[in-house]
Protein backbone atom coordinates (compact mmCIF):
# COMPACT_ATOMS: atom_id res chain seq x y z
CA MET A 1 -6.87 18.41 25.60
CA LYS A 2 -7.28 16.60 22.08
CA ASP A 3 -8.63 13.26 22.18
CA THR A 4 -7.24 12.96 18.97
CA MET A 5 -3.80 13.73 20.14
CA LEU A 6 -4.01 11.20 22.49
CA ASP A 7 -4.78 8.43 20.38
CA LYS A 8 -2.21 9.37 18.40
CA LEU A 9 0.19 9.24 21.39
CA GLN A 10 -0.88 5.77 22.20
CA LYS A 11 0.13 4.53 18.97
CA PHE A 12 3.70 5.89 19.76
CA GLY A 13 3.74 3.06 22.52
CA LEU A 14 2.21 5.13 25.31
CA ASN A 15 -1.07 3.75 27.33
CA LEU A 16 -4.02 6.44 27.56
CA TYR A 17 -2.74 7.67 31.41
CA GLU A 18 0.72 8.02 30.30
CA ALA A 19 -0.55 9.87 27.31
CA LYS A 20 -2.62 11.90 29.39
CA ALA A 21 -0.18 12.50 32.34
CA TYR A 22 2.82 13.47 29.69
CA ALA A 23 0.41 16.32 27.98
CA SER A 24 -0.82 17.86 30.98
CA LEU A 25 2.98 18.03 32.43
CA LEU A 26 3.70 19.78 28.78
CA LYS A 27 1.11 22.07 29.77
CA ILE A 28 1.46 22.75 33.00
CA GLY A 29 5.31 22.51 33.39
CA THR A 30 7.21 21.42 36.45
CA SER A 31 4.71 20.39 38.94
CA ASN A 32 4.00 17.86 41.59
CA ALA A 33 1.55 14.47 41.62
CA TYR A 34 -1.69 16.63 43.06
CA LYS A 35 -1.85 19.35 39.89
CA ILE A 36 -0.94 16.80 37.24
CA SER A 37 -3.78 14.45 38.58
CA LYS A 38 -6.23 17.67 38.37
CA GLU A 39 -5.30 18.54 34.88
CA SER A 40 -5.32 15.03 33.37
CA GLY A 41 -7.98 14.05 34.98
CA ILE A 42 -5.87 10.54 36.02
CA PRO A 43 -7.38 9.23 39.53
CA ARG A 44 -4.97 10.25 42.45
CA ALA A 45 -4.85 6.49 43.58
CA ARG A 46 -3.27 5.60 39.85
CA ILE A 47 -1.59 8.86 39.48
CA TYR A 48 1.95 7.58 40.95
CA ASP A 49 2.13 4.56 39.02
CA VAL A 50 1.50 6.40 36.27
CA LEU A 51 4.30 9.29 36.54
CA GLU A 52 7.01 6.59 37.67
CA SER A 53 5.90 4.81 34.28
CA ILE A 54 6.74 8.04 32.31
CA THR A 55 9.96 8.67 34.20
CA LYS A 56 11.06 5.65 33.38
CA LEU A 57 10.32 5.53 29.55
CA GLY A 58 11.88 9.18 29.75
CA LEU A 59 9.06 11.82 29.23
CA ALA A 60 9.40 12.77 32.66
CA MET A 61 12.51 13.69 35.09
CA VAL A 62 11.77 13.36 38.96
CA GLU A 63 13.24 15.03 42.13
CA GLU A 64 12.52 15.53 45.65
CA SER A 65 11.52 19.10 47.01
CA SER A 66 12.96 20.40 50.52
CA GLU A 67 9.62 18.84 51.79
CA ASN A 68 10.06 15.46 50.52
CA VAL A 69 7.85 16.09 47.94
CA LYS A 70 8.35 14.42 44.25
CA ILE A 71 8.73 17.08 41.48
CA TYR A 72 8.19 16.35 37.99
CA THR A 73 9.63 18.07 35.00
CA PRO A 74 8.50 16.65 31.22
CA VAL A 75 11.22 16.10 28.41
CA PRO A 76 10.96 18.60 25.63
CA SER A 77 8.37 17.14 23.11
CA LYS A 78 11.19 17.85 20.90
CA ILE A 79 13.71 15.29 22.12
CA PHE A 80 10.60 12.79 22.75
CA LEU A 81 9.81 13.36 19.03
CA GLU A 82 12.76 12.96 17.76
CA ARG A 83 13.76 9.95 19.68
CA ILE A 84 10.28 8.41 18.47
CA LYS A 85 11.25 9.16 15.10
CA LYS A 86 14.52 7.63 15.19
CA GLU A 87 13.42 4.53 16.72
CA TRP A 88 10.42 4.19 14.52
CA GLU A 89 13.00 4.73 11.43
CA SER A 90 15.21 1.99 12.86
CA ASP A 91 12.49 -0.29 13.43
CA TYR A 92 11.30 0.46 9.78
CA GLU A 93 14.54 -0.12 8.02
CA GLU A 94 14.49 -3.89 9.91
CA VAL A 95 11.34 -4.75 9.39
CA LYS A 96 11.23 -3.73 5.44
CA SER A 97 14.92 -5.89 5.17
CA ASN A 98 13.13 -8.76 7.13
CA LEU A 99 10.20 -8.65 5.13
CA GLN A 100 11.97 -8.24 1.98
CA ASP A 101 14.41 -11.39 2.53
CA LEU A 102 10.93 -13.43 3.42
CA GLU A 103 9.63 -12.85 0.24
CA ALA A 104 13.42 -13.33 -1.62
CA GLU A 105 13.31 -16.80 -0.07
CA GLU A 106 13.94 -19.48 -2.33
CA ASN A 107 11.43 -22.49 -3.10
CA LYS A 108 8.91 -19.89 -2.78
CA GLN A 109 5.39 -20.68 -3.64
CA ASP A 110 4.02 -19.28 -7.04
CA ILE A 111 0.96 -17.10 -6.27
CA TYR A 112 -0.64 -16.70 -9.61
CA VAL A 113 -3.49 -14.28 -8.67
CA PHE A 114 -4.85 -12.64 -5.49
CA THR A 115 -7.64 -10.96 -4.49
CA VAL A 116 -7.37 -7.20 -3.54
CA LYS A 117 -10.00 -5.68 -1.57
CA GLY A 118 -11.67 -2.36 -1.10
CA LYS A 119 -11.06 1.40 -2.55
CA GLU A 120 -7.85 2.13 -0.54
CA ASN A 121 -6.29 -0.70 -1.01
CA ILE A 122 -6.59 -0.75 -4.88
CA VAL A 123 -5.64 2.78 -5.34
CA ALA A 124 -2.49 2.32 -3.16
CA TYR A 125 -1.66 -0.82 -5.00
CA CYS A 126 -2.01 1.48 -8.44
CA ARG A 127 0.26 4.10 -7.08
CA GLN A 128 2.63 1.28 -6.07
CA LEU A 129 2.92 0.07 -9.18
CA LEU A 130 3.33 3.36 -11.29
CA ASN A 131 5.90 4.59 -8.87
CA GLU A 132 8.37 1.47 -9.30
CA ALA A 133 7.73 1.37 -12.94
CA ASP A 134 11.00 1.96 -14.58
CA GLN A 135 10.03 1.50 -18.77
CA TYR A 136 6.54 1.62 -18.86
CA VAL A 137 2.80 1.35 -17.95
CA ILE A 138 -0.11 0.44 -19.92
CA ILE A 139 -3.59 1.50 -18.10
CA SER A 140 -7.19 1.05 -19.43
CA MET A 141 -9.69 2.85 -16.91
CA TRP A 142 -12.86 5.18 -16.82
CA ASN A 143 -12.70 8.56 -15.26
CA GLN A 144 -12.43 8.51 -11.75
CA MET A 145 -10.13 6.24 -11.34
CA TYR A 146 -8.11 7.87 -14.13
CA GLU A 147 -8.47 11.14 -11.85
CA LEU A 148 -6.91 9.24 -8.53
CA LEU A 149 -4.07 8.09 -10.24
CA LEU A 150 -3.06 11.17 -12.28
CA PRO A 151 -0.58 12.66 -10.45
CA GLU A 152 1.51 9.14 -10.18
CA LEU A 153 0.94 9.09 -14.01
CA GLU A 154 2.37 12.53 -14.52
CA GLU A 155 5.18 11.66 -12.51
CA CYS A 156 5.84 8.54 -14.63
CA LYS A 157 6.08 10.83 -17.58
CA GLU A 158 8.40 12.99 -15.90
CA ARG A 159 10.80 10.42 -15.14
CA GLY A 160 10.90 9.00 -18.63
CA CYS A 161 8.05 6.06 -18.43
CA ASN A 162 6.09 5.91 -21.19
CA VAL A 163 2.65 5.95 -20.23
CA LEU A 164 -0.16 4.40 -23.10
CA GLY A 165 -3.56 3.16 -22.90
CA ILE A 166 -7.21 3.32 -23.60
CA SER A 167 -9.29 5.90 -21.57
CA HIS A 168 -12.93 5.87 -20.83
CA ASP A 169 -15.32 9.02 -20.57
CA ILE A 170 -12.03 11.08 -20.02
CA LYS A 171 -12.22 14.24 -21.45
CA ASN A 172 -8.39 15.30 -21.86
CA PRO A 173 -6.33 12.44 -21.63
CA ILE A 174 -2.44 12.72 -21.19
CA GLU A 175 -0.28 11.95 -24.05
CA GLY A 176 -0.25 8.56 -24.83
CA ILE A 177 -3.64 7.50 -23.88
CA GLU A 178 -5.86 7.07 -26.48
CA LYS A 179 -10.00 8.06 -26.09
CA HIS A 180 -11.76 5.23 -26.56
CA PHE A 181 -14.52 4.71 -29.14
CA ASN A 182 -17.87 5.25 -28.09
CA SER A 183 -19.85 2.34 -28.00
CA LYS A 184 -22.70 0.86 -25.84
CA ILE A 185 -23.09 -2.36 -27.56
CA HIS A 186 -21.60 -4.80 -25.47
CA ASN A 187 -21.94 -3.39 -21.70
CA MET A 188 -20.66 -5.59 -18.66
CA PRO A 189 -23.41 -6.88 -16.58
CA GLU A 190 -24.09 -4.17 -14.14
CA ASN A 191 -22.98 -1.63 -16.07
CA MET A 192 -19.94 -1.42 -14.01
CA HIS A 193 -16.61 0.52 -14.83
CA TRP A 194 -13.20 -2.13 -14.54
CA PHE A 195 -9.60 -0.91 -15.04
CA ILE A 196 -6.25 -2.80 -15.98
CA LEU A 197 -2.94 -1.44 -14.77
CA SER A 198 0.03 -3.22 -16.10
CA ALA A 199 4.34 -2.09 -15.04
CA ASP A 200 7.35 -2.85 -17.09
CA GLY A 201 5.23 -6.44 -18.09
CA LYS A 202 6.24 -7.79 -14.48
CA LYS A 203 3.19 -6.57 -12.58
CA LEU A 204 -0.61 -6.31 -13.23
CA LEU A 205 -3.72 -5.14 -11.22
CA TYR A 206 -6.94 -5.38 -12.88
CA GLY A 207 -10.57 -5.30 -11.96
CA TYR A 208 -13.51 -3.27 -11.02
CA SER A 209 -12.62 0.40 -10.42
CA ALA A 210 -11.54 1.79 -6.73
CA GLU A 211 -14.74 3.61 -6.43
CA ILE A 212 -17.11 0.86 -6.73
CA ASP A 213 -15.60 -0.42 -3.80
CA LYS A 214 -15.13 -4.03 -5.09
CA ASP A 215 -12.58 -6.74 -5.77
CA ALA A 216 -9.72 -6.01 -8.25
CA PHE A 217 -6.68 -8.72 -8.78
CA TYR A 218 -3.06 -8.88 -8.54
CA THR A 219 -0.49 -11.00 -10.74
CA GLU A 220 2.89 -11.01 -11.87
CA ASP A 221 1.78 -14.29 -13.96
CA SER A 222 3.37 -13.31 -17.27
CA SER A 223 0.76 -15.29 -19.22
CA HIS A 224 -1.74 -12.96 -17.54
CA ILE A 225 0.02 -9.58 -17.84
CA TYR A 226 1.15 -10.88 -22.11
CA LEU A 227 -3.43 -11.20 -22.61
CA MET A 228 -4.03 -7.92 -20.74
CA GLU A 229 -1.69 -5.69 -22.46
CA ASP A 230 -2.49 -7.57 -25.87
CA TYR A 231 -6.14 -6.37 -25.21
CA ILE A 232 -5.02 -2.61 -24.27
CA LEU A 233 -2.41 -2.50 -27.42
CA HIS A 234 -5.07 -3.91 -29.81
CA ASP A 235 -7.81 -1.51 -28.47
CA MET A 236 -5.37 1.28 -29.09
CA VAL A 237 -5.00 0.32 -32.64
CA ILE A 238 -8.71 -0.09 -33.72
CA ASN A 239 -9.48 3.19 -32.02
CA ARG A 240 -6.91 4.90 -34.01
CA LEU A 241 -8.09 3.17 -37.31
CA ILE A 242 -11.51 4.81 -36.57
CA GLU A 243 -11.14 8.36 -37.39
CA ASN A 244 -14.44 9.31 -39.50
CA LYS A 245 -18.17 8.51 -39.03
CA VAL A 246 -18.07 5.93 -41.48
CA ASP A 247 -15.40 3.86 -40.00
CA LYS A 248 -17.66 4.26 -36.77
CA ASP A 249 -20.65 2.71 -38.17
CA ARG A 250 -18.77 -0.30 -39.70
CA MET A 251 -17.15 -0.57 -36.49
CA THR A 252 -20.52 -0.50 -34.32
CA GLN A 253 -21.87 -2.48 -37.02
CA MET A 254 -19.71 -5.48 -36.57
CA MET A 255 -19.76 -4.95 -32.93
CA GLN A 256 -23.89 -5.70 -32.76
CA GLU A 257 -23.18 -8.71 -34.82
CA PHE A 258 -20.53 -10.31 -32.55
CA VAL A 259 -22.85 -9.51 -29.77
CA ARG A 260 -25.84 -11.00 -31.63
CA LYS A 261 -23.77 -14.42 -31.98
CA ILE A 262 -22.83 -14.27 -28.24
CA LYS A 263 -26.68 -14.40 -27.06
CA GLU A 264 -27.60 -16.71 -29.75
C-alpha cells in the first residue's frame, strides 16, 4: 500500500489507521476484522475501534453473520470521493466568501507594502495578478522569470489584455515586450536579477526574480505603482530610440557619466 496514498487520504480527514482500514477493505472486499487487521497491519487490539470509526464516517457498512461475526463491506471509492469533493467545494466556497467579506470590511487598515517570501509564493502571486488583469499588464523581467510566467502572459494576450514591458536576456519575447538595450555599466549589488509586474495600475509585485528565492514586495499603493510603471515606460521609449550603434555608444557614454557621478 503506497504511503503517498495514505498521506493524501489523511488530508481528507482520516487518521492513519482509518486510511489503512478503508484502503485494505477496498482491496480485499467484504471481510471480517481479522482479515482486515492482517491486510492493513493495524493491531488486532485496535481494529474493532477503527472499523467502528470508518463505519460512522460512512466508509463501510457492517452486518453480523449467522455466527455473530461482524462482516464489513466498503463503500465504493467513487461514492466516497464524490462526497468528499462536494464537501470540499462547499467548504471552499464558504471560506472564500468569508475571507472576501473580511477583506472588504470598512475601516480596514491600509497596507502599503508587504513582503512575499520564497519562490513558490512569488510565482503564485505573479500568476494571480496575470490571471486577474482585465486591461493591461506591464512587466520588466529576466529570462528565467519570464519563462515561468510565459503561459499566463500569453493567456493575457489571448483574452484581449495588453501586455507591455521590457525584457532582459530574452531572445524572442512576445509582442509588446521590448528587448532591453544591453548595458552592463551599472549593475545592481551581487548582480542579482529582479522583476516588476503591474496589473491594471492597481496591483504591483516587484523584487528579486523568483529563481533567486529571496524577497519580493506587493503593494496596491498608487504612488508605488505609478513610479514603477513610469520607469518601465520610459525604459521602453529609450530602447526604441536606440536603433543603431552610434545611438548605443552615446547611451553607454551617458550612462558611464551618470554612474561616475554616483560613485564620486
